[in-house]
Amino acid sequence: MATTDRQATTLALAHALSAAERGLAVIPLSRTKLPALRSPHRDDLDADPVGVPCHGECGRLGHGVYDASTDPARIRELFAAAPWATGYGIACGLPPHHLIGIDLDTKSGTDSSSALRELALRHLFTIPETVVVLTPSGGRHLWLSGPPDVVVPNSASRLAPGIDIRGAGGYLVGPGSRTDHGLYGAAPATAHLAPAPCPPSLLRLLLPPPRSHHPTPTSTGQHGQGLVQFVLAAHEGQRNTRLFWAACRAYENDIGPALTEPLVEAALGTGLTEREARATIASAARMTGHRP
């Protein structure tokens, strides 16, 4: 490994340990912003893709955000197992902060900051002074703290174009991380702040709307439950592929219509938008000779 990479790993570990001192659970990330450690179950997944996903119960490393820890010894162990790591991720939704990340993207060509200001004016909330992390692409991550009894899901552009939400099961790239696109850093005068409480009006927007009753995975049997769990275990880069595969298997087993809503809700939990999820499921229906 090049000297610069070794230095980046050393700095990433130092930043990760500092974040952990503030109660933020962390994992090592590669230069691609993905978890640095591969899943120990990747071969098992090929053999049994609808098996119940492991979230670290096996005791091995490589379970993504489920490896996140505030324990210095555990963090050093994670980084020792991934000496190529050049950054770290901060798990969202965990105590004591129950972190919610507001990701204001610029890559899509939309003005996400203006969109957030319009939402604030329309719904009568103000973004409080809080931690702001600047991304290499010119975007910003706003850190907010959520209530302990509320689970905020991940979403992509559901709130507004260019605004992604990192909630339970998601993570934010920590300041001091180096990626293929550059360095993440805290905005001036915000690094010392604690994540500010999420305004109640904004929090309501982050939660999925109540849904009418639909058949649950239980009513479609064990196979239906396994397909939903398969989608829920998807990481970024796998979400559409896993959803498409699961929907194809559902239609092939004549439970496609009954499993549509549970699959959509599972996909929303991984960060897909409802439009993306329904389009993928419709494609699976057509591929298997059914009408969506």
Foldseek 3Di string as FASTA:
>chain_A
DDPVQLVLLVLQLVLQLVVLVVVWWKAFAAQARFGQAADPCPVVCVVPVLDQDDLCPVVDDHNGPSQTDSDSVSRVVRCVVRVSGRFMWTAACDPDQNKKKKKQAPPVVDRSVVVVVVLCVVLVHDQDQAKWKADLRGIIIAIAGEDNVDWQFWAACPLHHRITMHGHPGIDTDASGHHPSGGMHIDPPHPPGHHHHDPPSVVVSRHDDDDDDAQDLVVVPPLSVSLLSSLLSDAPVCNLVSLLVSLLVCVVVVNNVRSLVSSLVSSRRRHYDSVSSVVSSQVSQVVNPHHD
